[in-house]
Protein backbone atom coordinates (compact mmCIF):
# COMPACT_ATOMS: atom_id res chain seq x y z
CA MET A 1 104.40 75.07 108.12
CA ILE A 2 102.43 76.83 110.86
CA PRO A 3 100.51 74.27 112.94
CA SER A 4 96.75 74.72 113.22
CA SER A 5 95.54 75.56 116.70
CA GLY A 6 92.22 73.77 116.20
CA MET A 7 88.96 74.94 114.65
CA HIS A 8 87.22 75.67 117.97
CA ASP A 9 90.18 76.65 120.12
CA PRO A 10 90.12 80.05 121.82
CA VAL A 11 92.41 82.70 120.38
CA ALA A 12 94.52 84.69 122.83
CA VAL A 13 94.38 88.49 123.01
CA THR A 14 97.82 89.70 124.08
CA GLY A 15 97.63 93.43 123.33
CA LEU A 16 95.06 96.23 123.19
CA GLY A 17 95.25 99.79 121.88
CA MET A 18 92.46 102.34 121.76
CA VAL A 19 91.42 105.88 120.86
CA THR A 20 87.97 107.19 121.85
CA CYS A 21 86.33 110.48 122.73
CA GLN A 22 87.25 109.64 126.33
CA GLY A 23 90.97 109.84 125.55
CA ILE A 24 93.98 108.29 123.85
CA GLY A 25 94.97 104.90 125.21
CA CYS A 26 93.08 102.04 126.81
CA GLN A 27 93.38 103.26 130.37
CA ARG A 28 92.11 106.79 129.65
CA SER A 29 89.25 105.45 127.56
CA TRP A 30 88.30 102.83 130.13
CA ARG A 31 88.55 105.28 133.04
CA GLY A 32 86.15 107.70 131.35
CA ILE A 33 83.71 104.94 130.44
CA ALA A 34 83.84 103.23 133.82
CA ASN A 35 83.03 106.59 135.45
CA SER A 36 80.24 107.36 132.92
CA CYS A 37 81.90 110.60 131.81
CA ASP A 38 80.10 112.64 129.16
CA ALA A 39 82.74 113.46 126.53
CA THR A 40 80.45 114.82 123.82
CA THR A 41 80.97 118.23 122.20
CA ILE A 42 79.30 120.43 119.57
CA TRP A 43 80.21 119.49 115.99
CA LYS A 44 82.46 122.01 114.25
CA ASN A 45 83.47 121.63 110.62
CA GLU A 46 84.96 123.78 107.87
CA LEU A 47 82.07 122.93 105.54
CA GLY A 48 79.40 123.75 108.13
CA THR A 49 76.04 122.01 108.36
CA LYS A 50 72.43 123.00 107.78
CA ALA A 51 71.21 120.69 110.53
CA GLY A 52 71.85 123.15 113.36
CA LEU A 53 73.91 122.39 116.47
CA LEU A 54 74.73 118.70 116.68
CA ARG A 55 76.48 116.82 119.47
CA VAL A 56 79.29 114.41 118.57
CA ALA A 57 81.80 112.26 120.42
CA ALA A 58 85.08 113.55 119.00
CA ALA A 59 88.46 112.09 119.93
CA PRO A 60 91.29 114.36 121.13
CA PRO A 61 94.09 115.48 118.77
CA ILE A 62 96.29 112.51 117.87
CA PRO A 63 100.01 112.92 118.68
CA ARG A 64 102.48 112.16 115.90
CA PRO A 65 104.65 109.07 116.51
CA PRO A 66 108.35 110.02 116.37
CA ASP A 67 109.13 107.63 113.49
CA LEU A 68 106.77 109.43 111.07
CA PRO A 69 107.91 112.74 109.50
CA ALA A 70 105.67 115.75 110.15
CA ARG A 71 104.85 116.40 106.47
CA PHE A 72 103.93 112.74 105.91
CA TRP A 73 101.82 112.72 109.08
CA GLN A 74 99.90 115.78 107.89
CA SER A 75 99.05 114.02 104.61
CA LEU A 76 97.46 111.07 106.42
CA SER A 77 93.77 110.72 107.19
CA ARG A 78 92.46 110.78 110.75
CA VAL A 79 91.65 107.07 110.65
CA GLN A 80 95.31 106.44 109.82
CA HIS A 81 96.39 108.63 112.74
CA MET A 82 94.21 106.60 115.10
CA ALA A 83 95.45 103.32 113.63
CA CYS A 84 99.08 104.31 114.23
CA VAL A 85 98.75 105.21 117.91
CA ALA A 86 96.40 102.30 118.71
CA ALA A 87 98.73 99.81 117.00
CA ASP A 88 101.73 101.19 118.88
CA GLU A 89 99.94 100.77 122.22
CA ALA A 90 98.77 97.25 121.41
CA LEU A 91 102.19 96.08 120.20
CA ALA A 92 103.88 97.47 123.30
CA GLN A 93 101.40 95.72 125.59
CA ALA A 94 101.89 92.46 123.68
CA GLN A 95 105.68 92.81 124.12
CA LEU A 96 106.20 92.81 120.37
CA PRO A 97 108.77 94.80 118.37
CA HIS A 98 107.85 97.67 116.05
CA HIS A 99 108.78 95.57 113.00
CA LEU A 100 107.01 92.23 112.69
CA ARG A 101 108.57 90.66 109.60
CA ASP A 102 109.90 87.71 111.60
CA TYR A 103 106.46 86.92 113.05
CA HIS A 104 104.44 86.26 109.87
CA CYS A 105 101.73 88.48 111.31
CA GLY A 106 98.40 89.13 109.56
CA CYS A 107 96.56 92.46 109.30
CA PHE A 108 92.75 92.61 109.51
CA VAL A 109 91.18 96.07 109.61
CA SER A 110 88.01 97.98 108.81
CA THR A 111 86.75 101.53 108.23
CA SER A 112 83.69 103.21 106.76
CA VAL A 113 84.69 106.79 105.97
CA CYS A 114 88.27 106.01 104.88
CA ALA A 115 89.94 109.37 104.10
CA MET A 116 86.80 111.43 103.63
CA ASP A 117 88.13 113.97 106.15
CA CYS A 118 91.11 114.61 103.85
CA ASN A 119 88.83 115.04 100.84
CA GLU A 120 86.65 117.50 102.72
CA ARG A 121 89.60 119.56 103.94
CA PHE A 122 90.88 119.73 100.37
CA TYR A 123 87.48 120.84 99.07
CA ALA A 124 87.02 123.47 101.81
CA ARG A 125 90.32 125.08 100.80
CA TYR A 126 89.75 124.61 97.08
CA ARG A 127 86.47 126.57 97.23
CA HIS A 128 88.31 129.68 98.45
CA HIS A 129 91.84 129.29 97.04
CA PRO A 130 92.00 126.64 94.27
CA SER A 131 95.72 127.10 93.70
CA GLN A 132 96.52 126.68 97.39
CA ALA A 133 94.57 123.47 98.01
CA PRO A 134 97.16 120.77 98.92
CA MET A 135 96.87 117.94 96.38
CA GLU A 136 98.52 115.45 98.75
CA MET A 137 95.24 115.34 100.69
CA LEU A 138 93.73 113.41 97.79
CA LYS A 139 96.32 110.64 97.99
CA ARG A 140 94.48 108.80 100.76
CA VAL A 141 91.18 108.20 98.96
CA HIS A 142 91.57 104.45 98.46
CA PRO A 143 90.36 102.38 101.46
CA PHE A 144 93.44 100.16 101.24
CA GLU A 145 95.57 103.14 102.28
CA LEU A 146 94.61 102.22 105.86
CA PRO A 147 95.98 98.65 105.98
CA GLN A 148 98.90 99.53 103.73
CA LEU A 149 100.14 102.09 106.23
CA LEU A 150 100.13 99.48 109.01
CA VAL A 151 101.66 96.86 106.73
CA LYS A 152 104.54 99.08 105.62
CA ARG A 153 105.15 100.72 108.98
CA HIS A 154 105.28 97.44 110.92
CA ARG A 155 106.64 95.18 108.14
CA ILE A 156 103.62 92.87 108.29
CA SER A 157 104.28 89.92 106.00
CA GLY A 158 101.17 87.79 106.54
CA LEU A 159 97.65 87.90 105.13
CA HIS A 160 96.11 91.38 104.64
CA TYR A 161 92.34 91.89 104.94
CA MET A 162 90.15 94.99 104.62
CA ASN A 163 86.43 95.06 105.49
CA LEU A 164 83.95 97.79 104.52
CA THR A 165 80.65 96.50 105.96
CA THR A 166 79.92 99.69 107.96
CA CYS A 167 78.90 99.17 111.60
CA VAL A 168 79.88 95.48 111.73
CA GLY A 169 83.17 96.10 109.91
CA SER A 170 85.69 95.55 112.69
CA ALA A 171 83.63 92.74 114.23
CA ALA A 172 83.79 90.97 110.85
CA ALA A 173 87.54 91.66 110.74
CA ILE A 174 87.84 90.04 114.18
CA GLY A 175 85.95 87.00 112.89
CA ALA A 176 88.21 86.70 109.86
CA ALA A 177 91.30 86.98 112.04
CA ILE A 178 90.02 84.30 114.44
CA ASP A 179 89.56 81.95 111.50
CA ALA A 180 92.99 82.75 110.04
CA VAL A 181 94.76 82.06 113.35
CA ARG A 182 92.80 78.87 114.01
CA CYS A 183 93.45 77.54 110.50
CA GLY A 184 97.16 78.22 110.79
CA LEU A 185 97.27 80.83 108.01
CA VAL A 186 99.02 83.16 110.46
CA PRO A 187 100.14 82.58 114.06
CA MET A 188 99.15 86.11 115.06
CA ALA A 189 97.31 89.14 113.71
CA ILE A 190 96.83 92.86 114.18
CA VAL A 191 93.07 93.44 114.12
CA GLY A 192 91.23 96.72 114.32
CA GLY A 193 88.61 99.20 113.20
CA PHE A 194 88.77 102.97 112.86
CA ASP A 195 86.34 105.70 111.86
CA SER A 196 86.51 109.48 112.07
CA LEU A 197 83.94 112.21 112.05
CA CYS A 198 83.44 114.02 108.76
CA HIS A 199 80.85 116.26 107.13
CA LEU A 200 79.49 113.47 104.93
CA LEU A 201 78.89 111.12 107.85
CA VAL A 202 77.40 113.67 110.26
CA SER A 203 75.24 115.42 107.68
CA GLY A 204 74.15 112.10 106.21
CA PHE A 205 72.85 110.75 109.51
CA ALA A 206 71.33 114.14 110.32
CA SER A 207 69.40 114.03 107.03
CA LEU A 208 68.05 110.61 108.05
CA ARG A 209 66.94 112.19 111.35
CA LEU A 210 68.92 109.61 113.28
CA ILE A 211 71.04 111.98 115.40
CA SER A 212 69.76 112.80 118.86
CA PRO A 213 69.59 116.54 119.64
CA THR A 214 70.49 115.79 123.26
CA THR A 215 72.13 112.46 124.10
CA CYS A 216 72.10 108.79 123.16
CA ARG A 217 69.69 106.77 125.34
CA PRO A 218 69.89 103.07 124.35
CA PHE A 219 66.68 101.13 125.08
CA ALA A 220 64.98 104.08 126.81
CA ALA A 221 61.39 104.85 125.83
CA SER A 222 62.52 108.44 125.12
CA ARG A 223 65.39 107.42 122.83
CA ASP A 224 65.69 109.62 119.75
CA GLY A 225 68.89 108.71 117.92
CA ILE A 226 72.63 108.26 117.91
CA ILE A 227 75.52 110.51 118.85
CA PRO A 228 78.08 110.19 116.01
CA GLY A 229 81.47 109.27 117.39
CA GLU A 230 84.99 108.56 116.25
CA GLY A 231 87.69 106.28 117.48
CA GLY A 232 89.44 103.03 116.92
CA ALA A 233 90.90 99.99 118.60
CA VAL A 234 93.57 97.40 117.85
CA LEU A 235 93.69 93.89 119.26
CA ILE A 236 96.71 91.60 118.95
CA LEU A 237 95.42 88.05 118.43
CA GLU A 238 97.63 84.98 118.75
CA ALA A 239 97.31 81.23 118.77
CA VAL A 240 97.45 80.20 122.42
CA HIS A 241 100.57 78.10 121.89
CA HIS A 242 102.26 81.03 120.08
CA ALA A 243 101.64 83.38 123.00
CA ALA A 244 102.85 80.70 125.43
CA ASN A 245 106.05 80.19 123.44
CA ARG A 246 106.69 83.95 123.68
CA GLY A 247 106.09 83.86 127.42
CA VAL A 248 103.23 86.39 127.23
CA LYS A 249 100.18 86.14 129.47
CA PRO A 250 96.94 86.72 127.50
CA LEU A 251 94.66 89.58 128.52
CA GLY A 252 91.70 87.42 127.54
CA TYR A 253 90.42 85.15 124.80
CA LEU A 254 88.14 85.29 121.77
CA ARG A 255 86.14 82.08 121.70
CA GLY A 256 83.53 82.34 118.95
CA PHE A 257 82.19 84.36 116.03
CA GLY A 258 79.00 84.34 113.98
CA ALA A 259 77.70 86.46 111.10
CA THR A 260 74.46 86.55 109.07
CA ALA A 261 72.45 88.94 106.91
CA ASP A 262 68.74 89.69 107.16
CA ALA A 263 68.02 90.04 103.41
CA PHE A 264 65.20 92.29 104.60
CA HIS A 265 65.85 96.01 104.05
CA ILE A 266 68.76 98.26 103.12
CA THR A 267 68.63 100.18 106.42
CA LYS A 268 66.01 98.69 108.76
CA PRO A 269 66.77 95.54 110.76
CA GLU A 270 64.39 92.61 110.49
CA PRO A 271 62.02 93.39 113.42
CA ASP A 272 61.99 89.93 115.03
CA GLY A 273 65.78 89.57 114.85
CA HIS A 274 65.77 85.98 113.63
CA GLU A 275 68.98 86.33 111.59
CA ALA A 276 70.61 88.23 114.44
CA GLU A 277 69.67 85.29 116.65
CA ARG A 278 71.26 82.90 114.17
CA ALA A 279 74.50 84.92 114.29
CA ILE A 280 74.54 84.61 118.09
CA LYS A 281 73.80 80.87 117.99
CA THR A 282 76.57 80.42 115.42
CA ALA A 283 79.02 82.19 117.73
CA LEU A 284 77.96 80.00 120.66
CA ALA A 285 78.38 76.85 118.59
CA ASP A 286 81.75 78.10 117.38
CA ALA A 287 82.81 78.60 120.99
CA LYS A 288 81.26 75.29 122.10
CA MET A 289 79.32 77.21 124.73
CA ASN A 290 75.75 77.43 126.00
CA TRP A 291 73.50 80.33 126.99
CA HIS A 292 74.32 79.92 130.69
CA HIS A 293 77.99 80.65 129.97
CA ILE A 294 77.16 84.26 128.97
CA ASP A 295 77.50 86.72 131.84
CA TYR A 296 77.10 89.94 129.88
CA VAL A 297 75.87 91.16 126.50
CA HIS A 298 77.30 94.32 124.99
CA SER A 299 74.40 95.18 122.73
CA HIS A 300 74.72 97.28 119.60
CA GLY A 301 72.41 99.69 121.47
CA THR A 302 72.43 102.69 119.13
CA GLY A 303 69.52 104.52 120.76
CA THR A 304 67.51 104.45 117.53
CA ARG A 305 63.89 103.35 117.39
CA ASP A 306 64.25 100.38 115.05
CA ASN A 307 67.55 98.89 116.24
CA ASP A 308 66.69 98.99 119.94
CA ALA A 309 63.23 97.56 119.34
CA MET A 310 64.73 94.63 117.43
CA GLU A 311 67.37 94.00 120.09
CA THR A 312 64.82 94.16 122.90
CA THR A 313 62.69 91.53 121.17
CA LEU A 314 65.77 89.42 120.46
CA TYR A 315 67.25 89.41 123.98
CA GLN A 316 63.94 88.93 125.76
CA ARG A 317 63.43 85.83 123.63
CA LEU A 318 66.96 84.46 124.03
CA PHE A 319 67.60 85.20 127.70
CA ALA A 320 64.12 84.82 129.18
CA ASN A 321 65.28 81.84 131.24
CA SER A 322 68.88 82.85 131.82
CA PRO A 323 68.97 86.57 132.58
CA VAL A 324 72.22 88.39 131.98
CA ARG A 325 73.40 91.97 132.26
CA ILE A 326 72.76 93.77 128.94
CA THR A 327 73.99 97.31 128.29
CA SER A 328 75.45 99.52 125.59
CA THR A 329 78.32 102.00 125.99
CA LYS A 330 77.49 104.10 122.92
CA HIS A 331 76.21 106.92 125.15
CA LEU A 332 79.84 107.19 126.35
CA THR A 333 81.77 106.57 123.11
CA GLY A 334 79.29 107.73 120.50
CA HIS A 335 78.45 105.42 117.63
CA THR A 336 81.87 104.72 116.12
CA PHE A 337 80.49 102.83 113.10
CA ALA A 338 83.10 100.43 111.66
CA ALA A 339 85.20 100.78 114.81
CA SER A 340 82.35 99.67 117.10
CA GLY A 341 83.12 95.95 117.20
CA ALA A 342 86.82 96.40 117.96
CA ILE A 343 86.26 99.12 120.58
CA GLU A 344 83.46 97.25 122.32
CA THR A 345 85.33 93.93 122.34
CA ALA A 346 88.34 95.67 123.85
CA LEU A 347 86.11 97.40 126.42
CA CYS A 348 84.61 94.06 127.46
CA LEU A 349 88.07 92.59 127.97
CA LEU A 350 89.04 95.61 130.09
CA ALA A 351 85.79 95.33 132.06
CA MET A 352 86.38 91.66 132.83
CA GLU A 353 89.91 92.47 133.97
CA ALA A 354 88.54 95.20 136.24
CA GLY A 355 85.72 92.98 137.53
CA ILE A 356 82.91 95.44 136.74
CA TYR A 357 80.16 95.49 134.14
CA PRO A 358 80.32 98.27 131.51
CA PRO A 359 77.90 100.99 132.64
CA GLY A 360 74.56 101.52 130.92
CA PRO A 361 72.74 104.85 130.50
CA GLY A 362 69.60 103.96 132.41
CA PRO A 363 66.78 101.43 131.85
CA GLN A 364 68.13 98.15 130.53
CA ILE A 365 66.59 94.96 129.22
CA HIS A 366 67.81 92.76 132.10
CA THR A 367 69.47 93.77 135.34
CA THR A 368 69.68 90.39 137.06
CA ALA A 369 73.14 88.93 136.59
CA ALA A 370 76.02 87.25 138.37
CA PRO A 371 78.14 89.47 140.64
CA ALA A 372 80.61 91.51 138.62
CA SER A 373 83.46 89.67 140.34
CA ASP A 374 82.27 86.54 138.50
CA PHE A 375 82.09 88.36 135.14
CA ASN A 376 84.07 86.05 132.83
CA THR A 377 82.31 85.87 129.46
CA ALA A 378 80.85 88.54 127.19
CA LEU A 379 78.79 88.43 124.02
CA ILE A 380 79.40 91.47 121.79
CA CYS A 381 76.70 92.12 119.18
CA ASN A 382 76.89 94.53 116.26
CA PHE A 383 74.32 95.19 113.53
CA ALA A 384 74.57 97.31 110.39
CA PHE A 385 72.83 98.72 107.36
CA GLY A 386 72.18 96.02 104.79
CA GLY A 387 70.96 93.72 107.54
CA ASN A 388 74.44 92.61 108.58
CA ASN A 389 74.65 90.89 111.97
CA THR A 390 77.73 89.83 113.95
CA ALA A 391 78.36 88.23 117.32
CA VAL A 392 81.74 87.87 119.07
CA ILE A 393 82.27 85.90 122.28
CA ALA A 394 85.13 86.96 124.54
CA SER A 395 86.22 85.57 127.90
CA HIS A 396 88.68 86.51 130.60
CA ALA A 397 89.71 82.94 131.41
CA ALA A 398 90.95 80.23 129.07
CA GLU A 399 87.91 78.11 129.85
CA PRO A 400 84.31 79.32 130.30
CA THR A 401 82.81 79.08 133.76
CA ALA A 402 79.53 77.23 134.23
């Protein structure tokens, strides 16, 4: 029987792995983001696009891990490639072996596009040479191909969980993993989110006129849309006592989670953000924390008219008497959809370790905040189509500072 760590106890983060347009690995990604490097490029695709030249935040080519045969690697989707290298980095940092059967580890992951890139490559070749189109590209269609690869490769014997709620997907996976560790269902978990660029995603958002022709400008009056991005992140979560028994020092802690739905519109957020507020208050209650504990808010900050207007209204109402630093890093990573929550939570943990606030693109909602050296607690907010709202609270120290 695995002992419960307590329903409101913090959960330790002992490993991080990341892939973004800034580079492969946490340090390369964080270095590019901390220095506000523009890593966007022009979208190129075998199927083309009728939307003209579009800027995207594409990740570099993913190197094949030595344990995976070349032919098998080529049959995998790009989200699976990112999951493999991010998981390897996180496990190494957490001082865990490649195979986890003896650890009763859980697996909680999310994606939106699944293997659509494989489907599109197959179709592009089928149009010109039907007999030469590789059928193995169609083997990765099912969303559960993503967690199954991690489960088989790392011999994960605990609870498996897959979330498909678009832009809050990996944040919801983090919430589910926090609950599973606290309840004693698993003593530790691999948690992550991954999304890749594909013709369907880029053309779909272009048809909605949500892609900026220039750059993403969260909360700016001149904002005109997102920059589609790709990437992924893996966090290793453990019960605090489990990490202590292994002799591993946590990189930080996840303290609370909240989730709600607007029940308002299939794409637009509820303008006043009342359900988003309830998600944040739920996370604070879950963490047994108050507003004054929050040093920084990583907003969803997509650079779109409706989302940023809702968030501005929300944060001005919530933090009117306790100003905090509020920014978004999507101008540096692109909008990574289901991967957003995992990437942005990992970035906040790296920022707290470095003692600097994640950089914003320009005008922000609040600029008055504690010195970055005192940056200990972050609120990470993500919002999605369907009115889904999530809030994750992370801290650098085991206990929040007043």
